[in-house]
N, C-alpha and C. Protein backbone atom coordinates (compact mmCIF):
# COMPACT_ATOMS: atom_id res chain seq x y z
N MET A 1 -23.36 12.75 -18.60
CA MET A 1 -23.04 11.63 -17.72
C MET A 1 -22.27 10.57 -18.50
N THR A 2 -21.46 9.79 -17.78
CA THR A 2 -20.69 8.74 -18.42
C THR A 2 -20.67 7.51 -17.53
N ASN A 3 -20.58 6.34 -18.16
CA ASN A 3 -20.47 5.12 -17.37
C ASN A 3 -19.04 4.59 -17.37
N ARG A 4 -18.09 5.46 -17.78
CA ARG A 4 -16.67 5.13 -17.72
C ARG A 4 -15.98 6.04 -16.72
N THR A 5 -14.87 5.57 -16.17
CA THR A 5 -14.09 6.39 -15.26
C THR A 5 -13.53 7.60 -15.99
N LEU A 6 -13.63 8.76 -15.37
CA LEU A 6 -13.15 9.99 -15.98
C LEU A 6 -11.63 9.97 -16.18
N THR A 7 -11.18 10.58 -17.27
CA THR A 7 -9.77 10.86 -17.44
C THR A 7 -9.48 12.21 -16.79
N LEU A 8 -8.50 12.25 -15.91
CA LEU A 8 -8.20 13.47 -15.18
C LEU A 8 -7.12 14.27 -15.90
N ASP A 9 -7.48 15.42 -16.44
CA ASP A 9 -6.45 16.32 -16.95
C ASP A 9 -5.89 17.10 -15.76
N ASP A 10 -4.89 17.94 -16.00
CA ASP A 10 -4.24 18.64 -14.89
C ASP A 10 -5.22 19.52 -14.11
N ARG A 11 -6.10 20.21 -14.81
CA ARG A 11 -7.03 21.10 -14.13
C ARG A 11 -7.96 20.32 -13.21
N LEU A 12 -8.49 19.21 -13.69
CA LEU A 12 -9.40 18.41 -12.86
C LEU A 12 -8.65 17.73 -11.73
N TYR A 13 -7.42 17.31 -11.98
CA TYR A 13 -6.62 16.68 -10.91
C TYR A 13 -6.34 17.68 -9.79
N HIS A 14 -5.97 18.89 -10.14
CA HIS A 14 -5.70 19.90 -9.12
C HIS A 14 -6.98 20.25 -8.34
N TYR A 15 -8.11 20.21 -9.01
CA TYR A 15 -9.39 20.42 -8.32
C TYR A 15 -9.63 19.30 -7.32
N LEU A 16 -9.37 18.07 -7.75
CA LEU A 16 -9.53 16.92 -6.85
C LEU A 16 -8.68 17.08 -5.60
N ILE A 17 -7.40 17.44 -5.78
CA ILE A 17 -6.51 17.63 -4.64
C ILE A 17 -7.02 18.74 -3.72
N ALA A 18 -7.41 19.87 -4.34
CA ALA A 18 -7.83 21.03 -3.55
C ALA A 18 -9.13 20.80 -2.79
N HIS A 19 -9.97 19.90 -3.28
CA HIS A 19 -11.28 19.70 -2.66
C HIS A 19 -11.43 18.33 -1.99
N SER A 20 -10.30 17.64 -1.79
CA SER A 20 -10.39 16.33 -1.18
C SER A 20 -9.28 16.07 -0.18
N VAL A 21 -8.03 16.29 -0.58
CA VAL A 21 -6.90 15.87 0.24
C VAL A 21 -6.69 16.79 1.43
N ARG A 22 -6.74 16.21 2.65
CA ARG A 22 -6.51 16.95 3.89
C ARG A 22 -5.16 16.55 4.46
N GLU A 23 -4.12 16.94 3.79
CA GLU A 23 -2.77 16.56 4.15
C GLU A 23 -2.25 17.47 5.26
N THR A 24 -1.71 16.87 6.32
CA THR A 24 -1.12 17.68 7.38
C THR A 24 0.19 18.28 6.88
N PRO A 25 0.65 19.38 7.49
CA PRO A 25 1.94 19.97 7.09
C PRO A 25 3.08 18.95 7.17
N LEU A 26 3.03 18.06 8.17
CA LEU A 26 4.07 17.04 8.32
C LEU A 26 4.05 16.06 7.16
N MET A 27 2.87 15.63 6.77
CA MET A 27 2.74 14.71 5.63
C MET A 27 3.23 15.37 4.35
N GLU A 28 2.85 16.63 4.16
CA GLU A 28 3.29 17.35 2.97
C GLU A 28 4.81 17.49 2.94
N GLU A 29 5.40 17.76 4.10
CA GLU A 29 6.85 17.90 4.15
C GLU A 29 7.55 16.59 3.81
N LEU A 30 7.05 15.47 4.35
CA LEU A 30 7.64 14.17 4.03
C LEU A 30 7.52 13.87 2.54
N ARG A 31 6.38 14.19 1.97
CA ARG A 31 6.19 13.94 0.54
C ARG A 31 7.15 14.78 -0.29
N LYS A 32 7.37 16.03 0.11
CA LYS A 32 8.28 16.90 -0.64
C LYS A 32 9.74 16.45 -0.48
N VAL A 33 10.10 16.00 0.72
CA VAL A 33 11.44 15.46 0.92
C VAL A 33 11.64 14.24 0.02
N THR A 34 10.62 13.40 -0.06
CA THR A 34 10.70 12.20 -0.89
C THR A 34 10.84 12.56 -2.36
N GLN A 35 10.16 13.59 -2.80
CA GLN A 35 10.22 14.00 -4.20
C GLN A 35 11.62 14.40 -4.64
N ARG A 36 12.47 14.74 -3.67
CA ARG A 36 13.84 15.13 -4.01
C ARG A 36 14.77 13.93 -4.09
N GLN A 37 14.26 12.73 -3.79
CA GLN A 37 15.09 11.53 -3.81
C GLN A 37 15.15 10.93 -5.21
N GLU A 38 16.20 10.16 -5.44
CA GLU A 38 16.42 9.57 -6.75
C GLU A 38 15.27 8.66 -7.18
N MET A 39 14.68 7.94 -6.25
CA MET A 39 13.62 6.99 -6.56
C MET A 39 12.24 7.54 -6.19
N ALA A 40 12.06 8.84 -6.35
CA ALA A 40 10.82 9.50 -5.94
C ALA A 40 9.58 8.89 -6.59
N ARG A 41 9.74 8.27 -7.75
CA ARG A 41 8.59 7.68 -8.45
C ARG A 41 7.94 6.56 -7.63
N MET A 42 8.63 6.05 -6.61
CA MET A 42 8.07 4.99 -5.78
C MET A 42 7.07 5.51 -4.76
N GLN A 43 6.97 6.84 -4.63
CA GLN A 43 6.07 7.46 -3.66
C GLN A 43 4.61 7.37 -4.11
N ILE A 44 3.70 6.99 -3.21
CA ILE A 44 2.29 6.99 -3.57
C ILE A 44 1.77 8.42 -3.61
N ALA A 45 0.68 8.63 -4.34
CA ALA A 45 0.07 9.95 -4.45
C ALA A 45 -0.67 10.30 -3.16
N PRO A 46 -0.78 11.60 -2.84
CA PRO A 46 -1.45 11.99 -1.58
C PRO A 46 -2.91 11.57 -1.53
N GLU A 47 -3.60 11.61 -2.67
CA GLU A 47 -5.01 11.19 -2.66
C GLU A 47 -5.14 9.69 -2.39
N GLN A 48 -4.13 8.91 -2.81
CA GLN A 48 -4.14 7.48 -2.51
C GLN A 48 -3.88 7.24 -1.03
N GLY A 49 -2.94 7.99 -0.46
CA GLY A 49 -2.66 7.86 0.97
C GLY A 49 -3.89 8.16 1.80
N GLN A 50 -4.62 9.19 1.43
CA GLN A 50 -5.83 9.55 2.17
C GLN A 50 -6.91 8.49 1.99
N PHE A 51 -7.03 7.93 0.79
CA PHE A 51 -8.00 6.88 0.53
C PHE A 51 -7.70 5.65 1.38
N MET A 52 -6.42 5.28 1.46
CA MET A 52 -6.03 4.14 2.27
C MET A 52 -6.30 4.38 3.75
N ALA A 53 -6.05 5.61 4.21
CA ALA A 53 -6.33 5.94 5.60
C ALA A 53 -7.83 5.82 5.90
N LEU A 54 -8.65 6.24 4.96
CA LEU A 54 -10.09 6.11 5.13
C LEU A 54 -10.49 4.64 5.21
N LEU A 55 -9.87 3.80 4.41
CA LEU A 55 -10.16 2.36 4.46
C LEU A 55 -9.77 1.78 5.82
N VAL A 56 -8.65 2.24 6.37
CA VAL A 56 -8.25 1.79 7.71
C VAL A 56 -9.33 2.13 8.73
N GLU A 57 -9.85 3.34 8.65
CA GLU A 57 -10.91 3.76 9.57
C GLU A 57 -12.19 2.97 9.34
N LEU A 58 -12.56 2.77 8.08
CA LEU A 58 -13.78 2.02 7.78
C LEU A 58 -13.69 0.57 8.25
N MET A 59 -12.49 0.00 8.16
CA MET A 59 -12.29 -1.38 8.59
C MET A 59 -12.19 -1.50 10.12
N GLY A 60 -12.01 -0.37 10.79
CA GLY A 60 -11.75 -0.44 12.22
C GLY A 60 -10.49 -1.22 12.51
N ALA A 61 -9.51 -1.09 11.63
CA ALA A 61 -8.30 -1.91 11.71
C ALA A 61 -7.48 -1.59 12.95
N ARG A 62 -6.90 -2.62 13.52
CA ARG A 62 -6.00 -2.47 14.67
C ARG A 62 -4.61 -2.99 14.34
N ARG A 63 -4.53 -3.95 13.44
CA ARG A 63 -3.23 -4.54 13.08
C ARG A 63 -3.12 -4.59 11.55
N ILE A 64 -2.02 -4.03 11.04
CA ILE A 64 -1.80 -3.91 9.61
C ILE A 64 -0.38 -4.35 9.27
N ILE A 65 -0.22 -4.94 8.09
CA ILE A 65 1.10 -5.27 7.55
C ILE A 65 1.33 -4.41 6.32
N GLU A 66 2.52 -3.83 6.23
CA GLU A 66 2.91 -3.11 5.01
C GLU A 66 4.16 -3.77 4.44
N VAL A 67 4.09 -4.16 3.17
CA VAL A 67 5.24 -4.75 2.48
C VAL A 67 5.77 -3.71 1.50
N GLY A 68 6.88 -3.10 1.86
CA GLY A 68 7.46 -2.03 1.06
C GLY A 68 7.10 -0.68 1.66
N THR A 69 8.02 -0.09 2.39
CA THR A 69 7.73 1.14 3.15
C THR A 69 8.34 2.38 2.51
N PHE A 70 9.47 2.23 1.80
CA PHE A 70 10.17 3.33 1.14
C PHE A 70 10.48 4.42 2.18
N THR A 71 10.02 5.64 1.99
CA THR A 71 10.34 6.71 2.95
C THR A 71 9.26 6.91 4.00
N GLY A 72 8.27 6.04 4.02
CA GLY A 72 7.34 6.03 5.15
C GLY A 72 6.08 6.86 5.03
N TYR A 73 5.79 7.39 3.83
CA TYR A 73 4.58 8.22 3.69
C TYR A 73 3.31 7.39 3.88
N SER A 74 3.22 6.25 3.21
CA SER A 74 2.02 5.42 3.34
C SER A 74 1.88 4.91 4.77
N ALA A 75 3.00 4.59 5.40
CA ALA A 75 2.95 4.15 6.80
C ALA A 75 2.41 5.26 7.69
N LEU A 76 2.85 6.49 7.44
CA LEU A 76 2.37 7.63 8.22
C LEU A 76 0.87 7.82 8.03
N CYS A 77 0.41 7.71 6.79
CA CYS A 77 -1.02 7.86 6.50
C CYS A 77 -1.86 6.87 7.30
N MET A 78 -1.42 5.62 7.32
CA MET A 78 -2.20 4.58 7.99
C MET A 78 -2.03 4.62 9.50
N ALA A 79 -0.81 4.84 9.97
CA ALA A 79 -0.56 4.82 11.42
C ALA A 79 -1.31 5.93 12.14
N GLN A 80 -1.48 7.07 11.47
CA GLN A 80 -2.15 8.20 12.11
C GLN A 80 -3.61 7.92 12.45
N VAL A 81 -4.23 6.98 11.74
CA VAL A 81 -5.64 6.70 12.01
C VAL A 81 -5.84 5.39 12.76
N LEU A 82 -4.75 4.73 13.12
CA LEU A 82 -4.86 3.55 13.97
C LEU A 82 -5.17 3.98 15.40
N PRO A 83 -5.83 3.13 16.18
CA PRO A 83 -6.01 3.45 17.60
C PRO A 83 -4.65 3.47 18.29
N GLU A 84 -4.59 4.03 19.48
CA GLU A 84 -3.32 4.18 20.19
C GLU A 84 -2.62 2.85 20.41
N ASP A 85 -3.39 1.77 20.59
CA ASP A 85 -2.78 0.46 20.79
C ASP A 85 -2.69 -0.32 19.48
N GLY A 86 -2.87 0.37 18.34
CA GLY A 86 -2.78 -0.29 17.05
C GLY A 86 -1.33 -0.59 16.68
N GLU A 87 -1.18 -1.47 15.69
CA GLU A 87 0.16 -1.91 15.27
C GLU A 87 0.25 -1.98 13.76
N LEU A 88 1.30 -1.39 13.22
CA LEU A 88 1.61 -1.46 11.79
C LEU A 88 2.99 -2.07 11.65
N ILE A 89 3.05 -3.29 11.12
CA ILE A 89 4.34 -3.95 10.89
C ILE A 89 4.80 -3.60 9.47
N CYS A 90 5.92 -2.91 9.38
CA CYS A 90 6.46 -2.46 8.09
C CYS A 90 7.63 -3.35 7.69
N CYS A 91 7.56 -3.89 6.49
CA CYS A 91 8.61 -4.76 5.97
C CYS A 91 9.38 -4.02 4.87
N ASP A 92 10.68 -3.87 5.06
CA ASP A 92 11.50 -3.24 4.03
C ASP A 92 12.93 -3.73 4.19
N ILE A 93 13.73 -3.54 3.13
CA ILE A 93 15.12 -3.98 3.18
C ILE A 93 16.09 -2.81 3.23
N SER A 94 15.56 -1.57 3.18
CA SER A 94 16.44 -0.41 3.10
C SER A 94 16.36 0.46 4.35
N GLU A 95 17.45 0.50 5.10
CA GLU A 95 17.52 1.44 6.23
C GLU A 95 17.67 2.86 5.71
N GLU A 96 18.34 3.02 4.56
CA GLU A 96 18.56 4.36 4.00
C GLU A 96 17.25 5.07 3.73
N TRP A 97 16.32 4.37 3.06
CA TRP A 97 15.04 5.00 2.72
C TRP A 97 14.16 5.15 3.94
N THR A 98 14.05 4.10 4.74
CA THR A 98 13.14 4.16 5.89
C THR A 98 13.62 5.15 6.95
N ASP A 99 14.94 5.41 7.01
CA ASP A 99 15.46 6.40 7.97
C ASP A 99 14.95 7.80 7.65
N ILE A 100 14.55 8.03 6.41
CA ILE A 100 13.97 9.33 6.06
C ILE A 100 12.64 9.52 6.76
N GLY A 101 11.87 8.46 6.85
CA GLY A 101 10.54 8.54 7.43
C GLY A 101 10.49 8.52 8.95
N ARG A 102 11.47 7.89 9.59
CA ARG A 102 11.42 7.72 11.04
C ARG A 102 11.20 9.02 11.81
N PRO A 103 11.95 10.10 11.49
CA PRO A 103 11.72 11.35 12.24
C PRO A 103 10.30 11.89 12.08
N PHE A 104 9.71 11.68 10.93
CA PHE A 104 8.34 12.15 10.69
C PHE A 104 7.35 11.32 11.51
N TRP A 105 7.60 10.03 11.64
CA TRP A 105 6.75 9.20 12.49
C TRP A 105 6.84 9.68 13.93
N GLN A 106 8.04 10.01 14.36
CA GLN A 106 8.23 10.51 15.72
C GLN A 106 7.48 11.82 15.94
N GLN A 107 7.65 12.75 15.00
CA GLN A 107 7.00 14.06 15.14
C GLN A 107 5.48 13.94 15.14
N ALA A 108 4.97 12.96 14.40
CA ALA A 108 3.52 12.75 14.33
C ALA A 108 2.99 12.00 15.54
N GLY A 109 3.87 11.50 16.38
CA GLY A 109 3.45 10.78 17.57
C GLY A 109 2.94 9.38 17.31
N VAL A 110 3.38 8.77 16.19
CA VAL A 110 2.88 7.43 15.85
C VAL A 110 4.00 6.39 15.79
N ALA A 111 5.22 6.77 16.14
CA ALA A 111 6.36 5.84 16.01
C ALA A 111 6.15 4.57 16.82
N GLU A 112 5.47 4.67 17.97
CA GLU A 112 5.27 3.49 18.81
C GLU A 112 4.28 2.51 18.21
N ARG A 113 3.51 2.97 17.23
CA ARG A 113 2.56 2.07 16.56
C ARG A 113 3.21 1.32 15.40
N ILE A 114 4.41 1.75 14.99
CA ILE A 114 5.06 1.21 13.80
C ILE A 114 6.21 0.29 14.20
N ASP A 115 6.15 -0.94 13.77
CA ASP A 115 7.19 -1.94 14.01
C ASP A 115 7.90 -2.18 12.68
N LEU A 116 9.02 -1.48 12.48
CA LEU A 116 9.76 -1.59 11.22
C LEU A 116 10.72 -2.77 11.30
N ARG A 117 10.61 -3.67 10.34
CA ARG A 117 11.46 -4.86 10.32
C ARG A 117 12.30 -4.84 9.04
N ILE A 118 13.60 -4.61 9.19
CA ILE A 118 14.51 -4.54 8.05
C ILE A 118 15.00 -5.95 7.75
N ALA A 119 14.42 -6.54 6.72
CA ALA A 119 14.73 -7.91 6.30
C ALA A 119 13.93 -8.19 5.04
N PRO A 120 14.29 -9.21 4.27
CA PRO A 120 13.44 -9.59 3.15
C PRO A 120 12.02 -9.85 3.63
N ALA A 121 11.04 -9.27 2.93
CA ALA A 121 9.66 -9.32 3.42
C ALA A 121 9.15 -10.75 3.56
N LEU A 122 9.53 -11.64 2.65
CA LEU A 122 9.06 -13.01 2.76
C LEU A 122 9.54 -13.66 4.05
N ASP A 123 10.75 -13.31 4.48
CA ASP A 123 11.26 -13.84 5.76
C ASP A 123 10.40 -13.34 6.92
N THR A 124 10.06 -12.05 6.88
CA THR A 124 9.24 -11.47 7.95
C THR A 124 7.85 -12.08 7.96
N LEU A 125 7.26 -12.22 6.79
CA LEU A 125 5.91 -12.80 6.70
C LEU A 125 5.90 -14.26 7.15
N ASP A 126 6.91 -15.01 6.72
CA ASP A 126 6.98 -16.42 7.13
C ASP A 126 7.17 -16.52 8.65
N ALA A 127 7.94 -15.60 9.21
CA ALA A 127 8.15 -15.62 10.67
C ALA A 127 6.84 -15.34 11.40
N LEU A 128 6.02 -14.46 10.85
CA LEU A 128 4.71 -14.18 11.46
C LEU A 128 3.82 -15.41 11.40
N VAL A 129 3.84 -16.10 10.27
CA VAL A 129 3.06 -17.34 10.15
C VAL A 129 3.54 -18.36 11.17
N ASP A 130 4.87 -18.54 11.24
CA ASP A 130 5.44 -19.52 12.18
C ASP A 130 5.15 -19.16 13.63
N ALA A 131 4.97 -17.87 13.90
CA ALA A 131 4.70 -17.41 15.28
C ALA A 131 3.22 -17.53 15.65
N GLY A 132 2.42 -18.11 14.75
CA GLY A 132 1.01 -18.32 15.06
C GLY A 132 0.12 -17.13 14.81
N GLU A 133 0.56 -16.21 13.91
CA GLU A 133 -0.20 -14.99 13.64
C GLU A 133 -1.19 -15.15 12.48
N VAL A 134 -1.47 -16.38 12.09
CA VAL A 134 -2.43 -16.62 11.02
C VAL A 134 -3.80 -16.04 11.39
N GLU A 135 -4.38 -15.30 10.45
CA GLU A 135 -5.69 -14.65 10.61
C GLU A 135 -5.70 -13.66 11.78
N ALA A 136 -4.54 -13.04 12.05
CA ALA A 136 -4.44 -12.11 13.18
C ALA A 136 -4.40 -10.65 12.75
N PHE A 137 -4.44 -10.38 11.43
CA PHE A 137 -4.32 -9.01 10.94
C PHE A 137 -5.60 -8.59 10.22
N ASP A 138 -5.85 -7.29 10.27
CA ASP A 138 -7.04 -6.73 9.64
C ASP A 138 -6.81 -6.28 8.20
N MET A 139 -5.60 -5.79 7.92
CA MET A 139 -5.30 -5.23 6.61
C MET A 139 -3.85 -5.49 6.25
N ALA A 140 -3.56 -5.39 4.94
CA ALA A 140 -2.19 -5.44 4.46
C ALA A 140 -2.08 -4.57 3.21
N PHE A 141 -0.94 -3.94 3.06
CA PHE A 141 -0.66 -3.11 1.88
C PHE A 141 0.64 -3.59 1.25
N ILE A 142 0.58 -3.95 -0.03
CA ILE A 142 1.75 -4.48 -0.72
C ILE A 142 2.19 -3.50 -1.80
N ASP A 143 3.42 -3.01 -1.65
CA ASP A 143 3.99 -2.05 -2.60
C ASP A 143 5.50 -2.24 -2.62
N ALA A 144 5.93 -3.39 -3.13
CA ALA A 144 7.35 -3.73 -3.11
C ALA A 144 7.73 -4.33 -4.48
N ASP A 145 8.71 -5.20 -4.50
CA ASP A 145 9.17 -5.80 -5.76
C ASP A 145 8.05 -6.59 -6.40
N LYS A 146 7.76 -6.26 -7.65
CA LYS A 146 6.57 -6.78 -8.32
C LYS A 146 6.65 -8.29 -8.58
N THR A 147 7.86 -8.79 -8.81
CA THR A 147 8.00 -10.21 -9.12
C THR A 147 7.65 -11.10 -7.93
N ASN A 148 7.58 -10.53 -6.75
CA ASN A 148 7.20 -11.31 -5.56
C ASN A 148 5.76 -11.07 -5.13
N TYR A 149 5.02 -10.29 -5.89
CA TYR A 149 3.64 -9.96 -5.49
C TYR A 149 2.81 -11.22 -5.22
N SER A 150 2.92 -12.22 -6.07
CA SER A 150 2.12 -13.43 -5.88
C SER A 150 2.51 -14.15 -4.59
N ASN A 151 3.81 -14.14 -4.27
CA ASN A 151 4.26 -14.75 -3.01
C ASN A 151 3.78 -13.96 -1.81
N TYR A 152 3.84 -12.63 -1.90
CA TYR A 152 3.33 -11.79 -0.81
C TYR A 152 1.83 -12.01 -0.63
N TYR A 153 1.15 -12.21 -1.73
CA TYR A 153 -0.30 -12.41 -1.69
C TYR A 153 -0.66 -13.63 -0.83
N GLU A 154 -0.03 -14.75 -1.10
CA GLU A 154 -0.38 -15.97 -0.38
C GLU A 154 -0.05 -15.84 1.11
N ARG A 155 1.09 -15.24 1.43
CA ARG A 155 1.44 -15.07 2.85
C ARG A 155 0.45 -14.15 3.54
N CYS A 156 0.18 -13.02 2.91
CA CYS A 156 -0.72 -12.05 3.56
C CYS A 156 -2.14 -12.59 3.67
N LEU A 157 -2.56 -13.37 2.69
CA LEU A 157 -3.90 -13.95 2.75
C LEU A 157 -4.01 -14.88 3.96
N MET A 158 -2.94 -15.60 4.26
CA MET A 158 -2.92 -16.44 5.46
C MET A 158 -3.00 -15.60 6.73
N LEU A 159 -2.33 -14.46 6.73
CA LEU A 159 -2.23 -13.63 7.92
C LEU A 159 -3.46 -12.78 8.16
N LEU A 160 -4.25 -12.53 7.12
CA LEU A 160 -5.46 -11.72 7.26
C LEU A 160 -6.60 -12.54 7.85
N ARG A 161 -7.37 -11.90 8.69
CA ARG A 161 -8.60 -12.52 9.20
C ARG A 161 -9.65 -12.59 8.09
N PRO A 162 -10.64 -13.46 8.20
CA PRO A 162 -11.75 -13.42 7.26
C PRO A 162 -12.41 -12.04 7.29
N GLY A 163 -12.65 -11.47 6.13
CA GLY A 163 -13.17 -10.11 6.06
C GLY A 163 -12.08 -9.06 6.01
N GLY A 164 -10.82 -9.49 6.16
CA GLY A 164 -9.70 -8.56 6.12
C GLY A 164 -9.45 -8.04 4.72
N LEU A 165 -8.75 -6.92 4.63
CA LEU A 165 -8.55 -6.23 3.35
C LEU A 165 -7.08 -6.17 2.99
N LEU A 166 -6.80 -6.58 1.76
CA LEU A 166 -5.45 -6.53 1.20
C LEU A 166 -5.43 -5.51 0.07
N MET A 167 -4.39 -4.65 0.02
CA MET A 167 -4.28 -3.63 -1.01
C MET A 167 -2.99 -3.82 -1.79
N PHE A 168 -3.10 -3.89 -3.11
CA PHE A 168 -1.93 -4.00 -3.99
C PHE A 168 -1.75 -2.69 -4.75
N ASP A 169 -0.54 -2.14 -4.69
CA ASP A 169 -0.24 -0.91 -5.44
C ASP A 169 0.31 -1.23 -6.83
N ASN A 170 0.17 -0.27 -7.74
CA ASN A 170 0.77 -0.33 -9.08
C ASN A 170 0.14 -1.37 -10.01
N THR A 171 -1.09 -1.72 -9.79
CA THR A 171 -1.67 -2.81 -10.59
C THR A 171 -2.12 -2.37 -11.98
N LEU A 172 -2.06 -1.07 -12.27
CA LEU A 172 -2.27 -0.61 -13.65
C LEU A 172 -0.93 -0.30 -14.34
N TRP A 173 0.11 -0.05 -13.56
CA TRP A 173 1.49 0.04 -14.05
C TRP A 173 1.62 0.98 -15.25
N SER A 174 1.05 2.17 -15.09
CA SER A 174 1.08 3.21 -16.13
C SER A 174 0.50 2.72 -17.46
N GLY A 175 -0.41 1.76 -17.38
CA GLY A 175 -1.07 1.23 -18.57
C GLY A 175 -0.35 0.07 -19.21
N ALA A 176 0.85 -0.25 -18.75
CA ALA A 176 1.65 -1.30 -19.40
C ALA A 176 1.01 -2.67 -19.31
N VAL A 177 0.22 -2.93 -18.26
CA VAL A 177 -0.39 -4.26 -18.12
C VAL A 177 -1.37 -4.55 -19.25
N ALA A 178 -1.86 -3.51 -19.91
CA ALA A 178 -2.81 -3.71 -21.01
C ALA A 178 -2.12 -3.74 -22.37
N ASP A 179 -0.80 -3.65 -22.38
CA ASP A 179 -0.04 -3.65 -23.63
C ASP A 179 0.60 -5.02 -23.83
N PRO A 180 0.07 -5.85 -24.75
CA PRO A 180 0.61 -7.20 -24.93
C PRO A 180 2.05 -7.22 -25.43
N ASP A 181 2.51 -6.11 -25.99
CA ASP A 181 3.89 -6.05 -26.46
C ASP A 181 4.89 -5.80 -25.35
N ASP A 182 4.40 -5.39 -24.19
CA ASP A 182 5.28 -5.14 -23.05
C ASP A 182 5.48 -6.43 -22.28
N GLN A 183 6.66 -7.01 -22.42
CA GLN A 183 6.97 -8.27 -21.75
C GLN A 183 8.07 -8.10 -20.70
N GLU A 184 8.21 -6.86 -20.19
CA GLU A 184 9.15 -6.64 -19.10
C GLU A 184 8.76 -7.50 -17.89
N GLU A 185 9.75 -7.91 -17.12
CA GLU A 185 9.51 -8.84 -16.01
C GLU A 185 8.47 -8.32 -15.02
N ASP A 186 8.60 -7.05 -14.63
CA ASP A 186 7.66 -6.49 -13.67
C ASP A 186 6.25 -6.41 -14.25
N THR A 187 6.16 -6.04 -15.52
CA THR A 187 4.85 -5.95 -16.18
C THR A 187 4.18 -7.31 -16.23
N VAL A 188 4.93 -8.32 -16.61
CA VAL A 188 4.39 -9.68 -16.69
C VAL A 188 3.94 -10.15 -15.31
N ALA A 189 4.72 -9.82 -14.28
CA ALA A 189 4.36 -10.23 -12.91
C ALA A 189 3.05 -9.59 -12.47
N LEU A 190 2.88 -8.31 -12.78
CA LEU A 190 1.64 -7.62 -12.41
C LEU A 190 0.46 -8.13 -13.22
N ARG A 191 0.68 -8.37 -14.49
CA ARG A 191 -0.38 -8.90 -15.35
C ARG A 191 -0.82 -10.27 -14.84
N THR A 192 0.15 -11.10 -14.45
CA THR A 192 -0.15 -12.43 -13.93
C THR A 192 -0.94 -12.33 -12.63
N LEU A 193 -0.53 -11.40 -11.75
CA LEU A 193 -1.25 -11.20 -10.49
C LEU A 193 -2.69 -10.76 -10.75
N ASN A 194 -2.86 -9.79 -11.64
CA ASN A 194 -4.21 -9.30 -11.94
C ASN A 194 -5.11 -10.42 -12.43
N ASP A 195 -4.59 -11.28 -13.30
CA ASP A 195 -5.36 -12.42 -13.80
C ASP A 195 -5.68 -13.38 -12.66
N ARG A 196 -4.70 -13.59 -11.81
CA ARG A 196 -4.88 -14.53 -10.70
C ARG A 196 -5.95 -14.04 -9.73
N LEU A 197 -5.88 -12.75 -9.37
CA LEU A 197 -6.86 -12.20 -8.45
C LEU A 197 -8.27 -12.25 -9.03
N TYR A 198 -8.38 -11.98 -10.31
CA TYR A 198 -9.69 -11.98 -10.97
C TYR A 198 -10.36 -13.36 -10.89
N ARG A 199 -9.54 -14.40 -10.91
CA ARG A 199 -10.07 -15.77 -10.92
C ARG A 199 -10.14 -16.42 -9.53
N ASP A 200 -9.63 -15.74 -8.52
CA ASP A 200 -9.53 -16.35 -7.20
C ASP A 200 -10.84 -16.18 -6.43
N GLU A 201 -11.55 -17.26 -6.24
CA GLU A 201 -12.86 -17.22 -5.58
C GLU A 201 -12.74 -17.08 -4.06
N ARG A 202 -11.52 -17.11 -3.55
CA ARG A 202 -11.34 -16.93 -2.11
C ARG A 202 -11.52 -15.48 -1.69
N VAL A 203 -11.55 -14.59 -2.68
CA VAL A 203 -11.56 -13.16 -2.37
C VAL A 203 -12.56 -12.43 -3.25
N ALA A 204 -12.98 -11.24 -2.79
CA ALA A 204 -13.70 -10.28 -3.61
C ALA A 204 -12.72 -9.17 -3.96
N ILE A 205 -12.81 -8.63 -5.17
CA ILE A 205 -11.81 -7.66 -5.60
C ILE A 205 -12.44 -6.43 -6.26
N SER A 206 -11.66 -5.35 -6.26
CA SER A 206 -11.98 -4.17 -7.05
C SER A 206 -10.67 -3.46 -7.38
N LEU A 207 -10.42 -3.26 -8.67
CA LEU A 207 -9.22 -2.53 -9.11
C LEU A 207 -9.62 -1.07 -9.27
N VAL A 208 -9.10 -0.23 -8.39
CA VAL A 208 -9.50 1.18 -8.34
C VAL A 208 -8.48 2.02 -9.11
N PRO A 209 -8.92 2.84 -10.07
CA PRO A 209 -7.99 3.65 -10.85
C PRO A 209 -7.56 4.91 -10.10
N ILE A 210 -6.85 4.71 -9.01
CA ILE A 210 -6.30 5.82 -8.23
C ILE A 210 -4.79 5.62 -8.21
N GLY A 211 -4.02 6.71 -8.28
CA GLY A 211 -2.57 6.57 -8.36
C GLY A 211 -2.20 5.77 -9.58
N ASP A 212 -1.41 4.72 -9.39
CA ASP A 212 -0.99 3.84 -10.49
C ASP A 212 -1.80 2.55 -10.51
N GLY A 213 -3.00 2.63 -9.90
CA GLY A 213 -3.85 1.44 -9.81
C GLY A 213 -3.71 0.80 -8.45
N LEU A 214 -4.81 0.69 -7.72
CA LEU A 214 -4.83 0.08 -6.39
C LEU A 214 -5.90 -1.00 -6.37
N THR A 215 -5.49 -2.24 -6.25
CA THR A 215 -6.45 -3.34 -6.20
C THR A 215 -6.79 -3.68 -4.76
N LEU A 216 -8.08 -3.65 -4.46
CA LEU A 216 -8.57 -3.99 -3.13
C LEU A 216 -9.03 -5.45 -3.15
N VAL A 217 -8.59 -6.21 -2.17
CA VAL A 217 -8.88 -7.64 -2.11
C VAL A 217 -9.43 -7.97 -0.72
N ARG A 218 -10.68 -8.37 -0.65
CA ARG A 218 -11.28 -8.73 0.64
C ARG A 218 -11.32 -10.24 0.79
N LYS A 219 -10.75 -10.73 1.87
CA LYS A 219 -10.72 -12.17 2.12
C LYS A 219 -12.09 -12.65 2.55
N ARG A 220 -12.59 -13.66 1.88
CA ARG A 220 -13.91 -14.20 2.21
C ARG A 220 -13.83 -15.18 3.37
């Protein structure tokens, strides 16, 4: 027995996938299409997508915000478990990447639940605040430009209801956040966010070592 998180070698990782991930053929196809793209590293892992979908179900979420949609895999994971009248507002600036995901949303029968807004995410979030949507959302997932994570945090915290859940991707950043010699802009931004979340008494947190690090933040 150990009181530390296990290190997953390839054999154990493949066992995890084989005995946990229930990926539909459509989800698998979208993930494989994404893997052929130049920026494939931006894709979340299938076990993370399934974990997030489970959180949506556990929260009984009806309204979700996603900041950073890429090719739409994470959106598909979450939208599939929303109720029929649920809503997922996706914020992204790339029609090229999001157009890859649209046909898969259609085939999965969840396109009507997804409101894709092509614009800078801060503009979309500010518009939601101005429209009186404060505390109107159950969950938010942030996986976009790291230097704006702190700004996305404050907007989404306003938009989440008390008890709502915010998820930040890439918070372990392949281990770079723990390397004091790494002063790259994105690394510093993530390190700053991690410190900020740890000290923020407005929320309860847990940094989960899944994918590239997923920090769960519950609004008190």
